[in-house]
Amino acid sequence: MKVLKSENEEYKRLEEEHKKLEEVLDEMLKKRYLTADEEIEKKKIQKQKLHCKDRMAQITREHNHK
């Protein structure tokens, strides 16, 4: 994984974005209640995180098949 991080800029960017989204989501989930707009934002962030994770997995698979 470390080799992939250092060799693949897209993977590195996706990993950083995933981490930032996780931090934002963690802060949101600390609230007792979320407004309707916050719930929509939470779902949007969760989808973005999943997209990052899926793309990272795809890059990893492609790297391992080389």
Protein backbone atom coordinates (compact mmCIF):
# COMPACT_ATOMS: atom_id res chain seq x y z
CA MET A 1 0.00 0.00 0.00
CA LYS A 2 2.82 2.43 0.81
CA VAL A 3 4.31 1.89 -2.63
CA LEU A 4 0.96 2.64 -4.22
CA LYS A 5 0.61 5.84 -2.19
CA SER A 6 4.01 7.08 -3.29
CA GLU A 7 3.63 6.03 -6.94
CA ASN A 8 0.03 6.95 -7.69
CA GLU A 9 -1.03 10.58 -7.25
CA GLU A 10 -4.71 9.81 -7.78
CA TYR A 11 -4.65 7.19 -5.02
CA LYS A 12 -2.90 9.60 -2.67
CA ARG A 13 -5.43 12.37 -3.45
CA LEU A 14 -8.37 10.01 -2.95
CA GLU A 15 -6.98 8.79 0.36
CA GLU A 16 -6.58 12.37 1.62
CA GLU A 17 -10.07 13.29 0.45
CA HIS A 18 -11.53 10.19 2.13
CA LYS A 19 -9.83 11.13 5.40
CA LYS A 20 -11.12 14.72 5.26
CA LEU A 21 -14.66 13.53 4.53
CA GLU A 22 -14.42 11.10 7.45
CA GLU A 23 -13.43 13.96 9.76
CA VAL A 24 -16.34 16.12 8.57
CA LEU A 25 -18.74 13.22 9.01
CA ASP A 26 -17.42 12.49 12.50
CA GLU A 27 -18.05 16.11 13.50
CA MET A 28 -21.58 15.96 12.13
CA LEU A 29 -22.32 12.75 14.01
CA LYS A 30 -21.31 14.35 17.31
CA LYS A 31 -24.48 16.42 17.16
CA ARG A 32 -27.48 15.07 18.99
CA TYR A 33 -29.81 15.91 16.10
CA LEU A 34 -29.27 16.90 12.49
CA THR A 35 -31.49 19.28 10.56
CA ALA A 36 -33.03 18.11 7.29
CA ASP A 37 -30.31 20.00 5.37
CA GLU A 38 -27.61 18.42 7.54
CA GLU A 39 -29.08 14.95 6.88
CA ILE A 40 -28.91 15.63 3.14
CA GLU A 41 -25.30 16.83 3.51
CA LYS A 42 -24.45 13.74 5.57
CA LYS A 43 -25.77 11.44 2.83
CA LYS A 44 -23.83 13.41 0.22
CA ILE A 45 -20.61 13.07 2.22
CA GLN A 46 -21.20 9.34 2.73
CA LYS A 47 -21.63 8.88 -1.03
CA GLN A 48 -18.44 10.86 -1.72
CA LYS A 49 -16.54 8.72 0.79
CA LEU A 50 -17.85 5.54 -0.82
CA HIS A 51 -16.86 6.79 -4.27
CA CYS A 52 -13.31 7.49 -3.01
CA LYS A 53 -13.09 4.08 -1.37
CA ASP A 54 -14.38 2.29 -4.48
CA ARG A 55 -11.92 4.10 -6.75
CA MET A 56 -9.04 3.36 -4.35
CA ALA A 57 -10.01 -0.33 -4.42
CA GLN A 58 -10.10 -0.26 -8.22
CA ILE A 59 -6.64 1.34 -8.37
CA THR A 60 -5.33 -1.29 -5.93
CA ARG A 61 -6.75 -4.14 -8.05
CA GLU A 62 -5.24 -2.65 -11.21
CA HIS A 63 -1.89 -2.24 -9.47
CA ASN A 64 -1.93 -5.85 -8.21
CA HIS A 65 -2.68 -7.22 -11.68
CA LYS A 66 0.41 -5.62 -13.22
